[in-house]
């Protein structure tokens, strides 16, 4: 997890998780969360953060970086496509196995 700093203030974060993929020939990573406070959006912090994450991944020998986005979140989808992510026309399915206890 890395914090996003703007002018000395923390305004967001990015969380990467790492795994191994036969499909992508080795280590891969997933952007589990990326968040920028609404008051700081539109200033290029998201794209800069994704470039930072790519650099971290490259330094660690990661072969592919993935992220998920709701297709209805057009601003985010547009930004991710502009950043070089591909729509592979795959559907990510999720099955919760256990619930958190209070």
N, C-alpha and C. Protein backbone atom coordinates (compact mmCIF):
# COMPACT_ATOMS: atom_id res chain seq x y z
N UNK A 1 0.86 -1.17 0.00
CA UNK A 1 0.00 0.00 0.00
C UNK A 1 0.90 1.23 0.00
N UNK A 2 0.55 2.20 -0.85
CA UNK A 2 1.26 3.46 -0.91
C UNK A 2 0.25 4.59 -0.78
N UNK A 3 0.65 5.63 -0.07
CA UNK A 3 -0.20 6.81 0.10
C UNK A 3 0.09 7.80 -1.02
N UNK A 4 -0.93 8.52 -1.42
CA UNK A 4 -0.79 9.57 -2.43
C UNK A 4 -0.71 10.90 -1.70
N UNK A 5 0.37 11.62 -1.95
CA UNK A 5 0.64 12.88 -1.28
C UNK A 5 0.46 14.03 -2.26
N UNK A 6 -0.16 15.09 -1.80
CA UNK A 6 -0.28 16.31 -2.60
C UNK A 6 -0.06 17.49 -1.67
N UNK A 7 1.03 18.20 -1.89
CA UNK A 7 1.32 19.36 -1.06
C UNK A 7 1.50 19.04 0.41
N UNK A 8 2.01 17.86 0.72
CA UNK A 8 2.23 17.48 2.11
C UNK A 8 1.03 16.84 2.79
N UNK A 9 -0.07 16.71 2.07
CA UNK A 9 -1.27 16.09 2.64
C UNK A 9 -1.55 14.76 1.95
N UNK A 10 -1.97 13.77 2.72
CA UNK A 10 -2.37 12.49 2.14
C UNK A 10 -3.76 12.66 1.55
N UNK A 11 -3.87 12.40 0.24
CA UNK A 11 -5.15 12.60 -0.45
C UNK A 11 -5.67 11.33 -1.12
N UNK A 12 -4.99 10.22 -0.88
CA UNK A 12 -5.45 8.97 -1.47
C UNK A 12 -4.47 7.85 -1.21
N UNK A 13 -4.72 6.73 -1.88
CA UNK A 13 -3.85 5.56 -1.71
C UNK A 13 -4.02 4.61 -2.88
N UNK A 14 -3.05 3.72 -3.02
CA UNK A 14 -3.14 2.63 -3.98
C UNK A 14 -2.67 1.37 -3.27
N UNK A 15 -3.37 0.27 -3.50
CA UNK A 15 -3.03 -1.01 -2.91
C UNK A 15 -2.82 -2.02 -4.03
N UNK A 16 -1.67 -2.67 -4.04
CA UNK A 16 -1.38 -3.72 -5.00
C UNK A 16 -1.32 -5.06 -4.29
N UNK A 17 -1.82 -6.09 -4.95
CA UNK A 17 -1.65 -7.45 -4.46
C UNK A 17 -0.91 -8.23 -5.54
N UNK A 18 -0.10 -9.17 -5.13
CA UNK A 18 0.77 -9.89 -6.06
C UNK A 18 0.42 -11.37 -6.07
N UNK A 19 0.59 -11.97 -7.25
CA UNK A 19 0.35 -13.40 -7.38
C UNK A 19 1.21 -13.93 -8.53
N UNK A 20 0.90 -15.13 -8.96
CA UNK A 20 1.64 -15.76 -10.06
C UNK A 20 0.61 -16.23 -11.07
N UNK A 21 0.88 -15.97 -12.35
CA UNK A 21 -0.07 -16.32 -13.40
C UNK A 21 0.61 -17.13 -14.50
N UNK A 22 0.09 -18.31 -14.76
CA UNK A 22 0.59 -19.08 -15.90
C UNK A 22 0.25 -18.36 -17.20
N UNK A 23 -0.93 -17.76 -17.26
CA UNK A 23 -1.36 -17.06 -18.47
C UNK A 23 -0.41 -15.92 -18.83
N UNK A 24 0.13 -15.24 -17.84
CA UNK A 24 1.00 -14.09 -18.08
C UNK A 24 2.47 -14.39 -17.83
N UNK A 25 2.81 -15.68 -17.77
CA UNK A 25 4.21 -16.14 -17.71
C UNK A 25 4.97 -15.68 -16.48
N UNK A 26 4.33 -15.61 -15.35
CA UNK A 26 5.07 -15.28 -14.13
C UNK A 26 4.27 -14.41 -13.18
N UNK A 27 5.02 -13.62 -12.43
CA UNK A 27 4.39 -12.77 -11.42
C UNK A 27 3.45 -11.77 -12.08
N UNK A 28 2.31 -11.57 -11.43
CA UNK A 28 1.41 -10.52 -11.87
C UNK A 28 0.91 -9.78 -10.64
N UNK A 29 0.27 -8.67 -10.87
CA UNK A 29 -0.22 -7.85 -9.76
C UNK A 29 -1.60 -7.32 -10.12
N UNK A 30 -2.33 -6.96 -9.11
CA UNK A 30 -3.69 -6.46 -9.26
C UNK A 30 -3.82 -5.19 -8.43
N UNK A 31 -4.36 -4.15 -9.04
CA UNK A 31 -4.66 -2.94 -8.29
C UNK A 31 -5.93 -3.24 -7.50
N UNK A 32 -5.75 -3.54 -6.24
CA UNK A 32 -6.88 -3.90 -5.39
C UNK A 32 -7.73 -2.69 -5.07
N UNK A 33 -7.07 -1.57 -4.85
CA UNK A 33 -7.76 -0.30 -4.56
C UNK A 33 -6.92 0.85 -5.07
N UNK A 34 -7.58 1.82 -5.66
CA UNK A 34 -6.96 3.12 -5.93
C UNK A 34 -8.02 4.16 -5.59
N UNK A 35 -7.62 5.13 -4.79
CA UNK A 35 -8.57 6.13 -4.33
C UNK A 35 -7.87 7.48 -4.27
N UNK A 36 -8.55 8.48 -4.80
CA UNK A 36 -8.11 9.87 -4.68
C UNK A 36 -9.31 10.66 -4.16
N UNK A 37 -9.09 11.47 -3.12
CA UNK A 37 -10.18 12.27 -2.58
C UNK A 37 -10.83 13.09 -3.69
N UNK A 38 -12.15 13.21 -3.62
CA UNK A 38 -12.90 13.93 -4.65
C UNK A 38 -12.35 15.34 -4.89
N UNK A 39 -11.91 16.00 -3.82
CA UNK A 39 -11.39 17.37 -3.95
C UNK A 39 -10.08 17.43 -4.73
N UNK A 40 -9.43 16.29 -4.96
CA UNK A 40 -8.14 16.27 -5.66
C UNK A 40 -8.21 15.52 -6.99
N UNK A 41 -9.39 15.11 -7.39
CA UNK A 41 -9.54 14.42 -8.68
C UNK A 41 -9.43 15.42 -9.82
N UNK A 42 -9.05 14.93 -10.98
CA UNK A 42 -8.92 15.79 -12.16
C UNK A 42 -7.62 16.55 -12.20
N UNK A 43 -6.68 16.21 -11.33
CA UNK A 43 -5.39 16.89 -11.28
C UNK A 43 -4.24 16.00 -11.76
N UNK A 44 -4.59 14.83 -12.29
CA UNK A 44 -3.56 13.93 -12.79
C UNK A 44 -2.95 13.00 -11.76
N UNK A 45 -3.48 13.00 -10.54
CA UNK A 45 -2.92 12.15 -9.50
C UNK A 45 -3.17 10.66 -9.78
N UNK A 46 -4.34 10.33 -10.31
CA UNK A 46 -4.65 8.93 -10.63
C UNK A 46 -3.68 8.36 -11.66
N UNK A 47 -3.53 9.03 -12.82
CA UNK A 47 -2.58 8.53 -13.82
C UNK A 47 -1.14 8.47 -13.29
N UNK A 48 -0.73 9.45 -12.51
CA UNK A 48 0.62 9.42 -11.93
C UNK A 48 0.77 8.23 -10.98
N UNK A 49 -0.27 7.95 -10.24
CA UNK A 49 -0.23 6.82 -9.31
C UNK A 49 -0.15 5.50 -10.07
N UNK A 50 -0.89 5.38 -11.17
CA UNK A 50 -0.81 4.16 -11.97
C UNK A 50 0.57 3.99 -12.58
N UNK A 51 1.19 5.08 -13.02
CA UNK A 51 2.56 5.00 -13.54
C UNK A 51 3.52 4.57 -12.44
N UNK A 52 3.33 5.10 -11.23
CA UNK A 52 4.14 4.69 -10.09
C UNK A 52 3.99 3.19 -9.86
N UNK A 53 2.74 2.70 -9.86
CA UNK A 53 2.47 1.28 -9.63
C UNK A 53 3.14 0.43 -10.72
N UNK A 54 3.09 0.89 -11.96
CA UNK A 54 3.77 0.17 -13.05
C UNK A 54 5.27 0.10 -12.79
N UNK A 55 5.85 1.19 -12.33
CA UNK A 55 7.28 1.21 -12.03
C UNK A 55 7.65 0.24 -10.93
N UNK A 56 6.83 0.19 -9.88
CA UNK A 56 7.05 -0.75 -8.79
C UNK A 56 6.99 -2.17 -9.34
N UNK A 57 5.98 -2.43 -10.15
CA UNK A 57 5.82 -3.77 -10.71
C UNK A 57 7.00 -4.15 -11.61
N UNK A 58 7.43 -3.23 -12.45
CA UNK A 58 8.57 -3.50 -13.33
C UNK A 58 9.81 -3.83 -12.51
N UNK A 59 10.05 -3.07 -11.44
CA UNK A 59 11.22 -3.29 -10.60
C UNK A 59 11.17 -4.65 -9.90
N UNK A 60 9.96 -5.16 -9.67
CA UNK A 60 9.78 -6.45 -9.00
C UNK A 60 9.65 -7.61 -9.98
N UNK A 61 9.78 -7.34 -11.27
CA UNK A 61 9.69 -8.40 -12.26
C UNK A 61 8.28 -8.88 -12.55
N UNK A 62 7.31 -8.05 -12.25
CA UNK A 62 5.91 -8.39 -12.53
C UNK A 62 5.67 -8.32 -14.03
N UNK A 63 4.99 -9.34 -14.56
CA UNK A 63 4.76 -9.45 -16.01
C UNK A 63 3.48 -8.76 -16.48
N UNK A 64 2.50 -8.60 -15.59
CA UNK A 64 1.22 -7.98 -15.99
C UNK A 64 0.61 -7.31 -14.77
N UNK A 65 -0.04 -6.18 -15.01
CA UNK A 65 -0.75 -5.45 -13.98
C UNK A 65 -2.22 -5.39 -14.37
N UNK A 66 -3.08 -5.79 -13.47
CA UNK A 66 -4.52 -5.84 -13.72
C UNK A 66 -5.25 -4.87 -12.81
N UNK A 67 -6.43 -4.48 -13.22
CA UNK A 67 -7.33 -3.75 -12.33
C UNK A 67 -8.75 -4.01 -12.78
N UNK A 68 -9.66 -3.78 -11.89
CA UNK A 68 -11.07 -3.95 -12.20
C UNK A 68 -11.78 -2.62 -12.11
N UNK A 69 -12.80 -2.46 -12.92
CA UNK A 69 -13.58 -1.22 -12.90
C UNK A 69 -15.01 -1.55 -13.29
N UNK A 70 -15.93 -0.90 -12.66
CA UNK A 70 -17.34 -1.05 -13.02
C UNK A 70 -17.55 -0.41 -14.38
N UNK A 71 -18.14 -1.12 -15.31
CA UNK A 71 -18.34 -0.58 -16.67
C UNK A 71 -19.18 0.69 -16.66
N UNK A 72 -19.97 0.90 -15.61
CA UNK A 72 -20.78 2.11 -15.52
C UNK A 72 -19.99 3.31 -15.01
N UNK A 73 -18.78 3.08 -14.53
CA UNK A 73 -17.92 4.17 -14.04
C UNK A 73 -17.11 4.69 -15.24
N UNK A 74 -17.78 5.41 -16.10
CA UNK A 74 -17.17 5.86 -17.36
C UNK A 74 -15.92 6.71 -17.15
N UNK A 75 -15.90 7.65 -16.20
CA UNK A 75 -14.66 8.42 -16.02
C UNK A 75 -13.45 7.54 -15.67
N UNK A 76 -13.64 6.58 -14.77
CA UNK A 76 -12.54 5.69 -14.40
C UNK A 76 -12.17 4.79 -15.56
N UNK A 77 -13.14 4.21 -16.22
CA UNK A 77 -12.88 3.33 -17.36
C UNK A 77 -12.10 4.08 -18.44
N UNK A 78 -12.51 5.29 -18.74
CA UNK A 78 -11.82 6.11 -19.74
C UNK A 78 -10.38 6.38 -19.32
N UNK A 79 -10.18 6.71 -18.05
CA UNK A 79 -8.83 6.99 -17.55
C UNK A 79 -7.94 5.76 -17.63
N UNK A 80 -8.47 4.59 -17.29
CA UNK A 80 -7.67 3.37 -17.31
C UNK A 80 -7.31 2.97 -18.74
N UNK A 81 -8.25 3.11 -19.66
CA UNK A 81 -7.94 2.82 -21.06
C UNK A 81 -6.88 3.79 -21.58
N UNK A 82 -7.00 5.05 -21.21
CA UNK A 82 -6.01 6.05 -21.62
C UNK A 82 -4.63 5.74 -21.05
N UNK A 83 -4.60 5.12 -19.87
CA UNK A 83 -3.34 4.76 -19.22
C UNK A 83 -2.72 3.49 -19.81
N UNK A 84 -3.39 2.88 -20.79
CA UNK A 84 -2.82 1.72 -21.47
C UNK A 84 -3.38 0.38 -21.05
N UNK A 85 -4.35 0.38 -20.13
CA UNK A 85 -4.97 -0.89 -19.76
C UNK A 85 -5.91 -1.32 -20.88
N UNK A 86 -6.01 -2.63 -21.11
CA UNK A 86 -6.84 -3.18 -22.17
C UNK A 86 -8.12 -3.76 -21.61
N UNK A 87 -9.19 -3.61 -22.34
CA UNK A 87 -10.42 -4.32 -22.03
C UNK A 87 -10.30 -5.67 -22.72
N UNK A 88 -10.03 -6.71 -21.95
CA UNK A 88 -9.81 -8.04 -22.51
C UNK A 88 -11.12 -8.79 -22.71
N UNK A 89 -12.23 -8.10 -22.52
CA UNK A 89 -13.55 -8.69 -22.67
C UNK A 89 -13.72 -9.93 -21.79
N UNK A 90 -13.10 -9.87 -20.60
CA UNK A 90 -13.26 -10.92 -19.61
C UNK A 90 -14.20 -10.42 -18.53
N UNK A 91 -14.86 -11.34 -17.93
CA UNK A 91 -15.78 -10.99 -16.85
C UNK A 91 -15.20 -11.54 -15.55
N UNK A 92 -14.92 -10.69 -14.60
CA UNK A 92 -14.42 -11.12 -13.30
C UNK A 92 -15.61 -11.53 -12.45
N UNK A 93 -15.62 -12.77 -12.03
CA UNK A 93 -16.68 -13.29 -11.18
C UNK A 93 -16.14 -13.45 -9.77
N UNK A 94 -16.98 -13.26 -8.79
CA UNK A 94 -16.57 -13.34 -7.40
C UNK A 94 -17.55 -14.20 -6.62
N UNK A 95 -16.99 -15.03 -5.77
CA UNK A 95 -17.81 -15.82 -4.85
C UNK A 95 -17.23 -15.62 -3.46
N UNK A 96 -18.00 -15.03 -2.58
CA UNK A 96 -17.54 -14.83 -1.20
C UNK A 96 -17.60 -16.18 -0.49
N UNK A 97 -16.49 -16.52 0.13
CA UNK A 97 -16.39 -17.81 0.80
C UNK A 97 -16.73 -17.70 2.29
N UNK A 98 -16.29 -16.65 2.91
CA UNK A 98 -16.55 -16.45 4.33
C UNK A 98 -16.90 -14.98 4.55
N UNK A 99 -17.64 -14.72 5.58
CA UNK A 99 -17.96 -13.35 5.92
C UNK A 99 -17.13 -12.93 7.12
N UNK A 100 -16.90 -11.63 7.24
CA UNK A 100 -16.18 -11.11 8.39
C UNK A 100 -17.08 -11.18 9.61
N UNK A 101 -16.48 -11.50 10.72
CA UNK A 101 -17.25 -11.46 11.96
C UNK A 101 -17.09 -10.07 12.58
N UNK A 102 -18.13 -9.61 13.23
CA UNK A 102 -18.13 -8.26 13.80
C UNK A 102 -17.22 -8.14 14.99
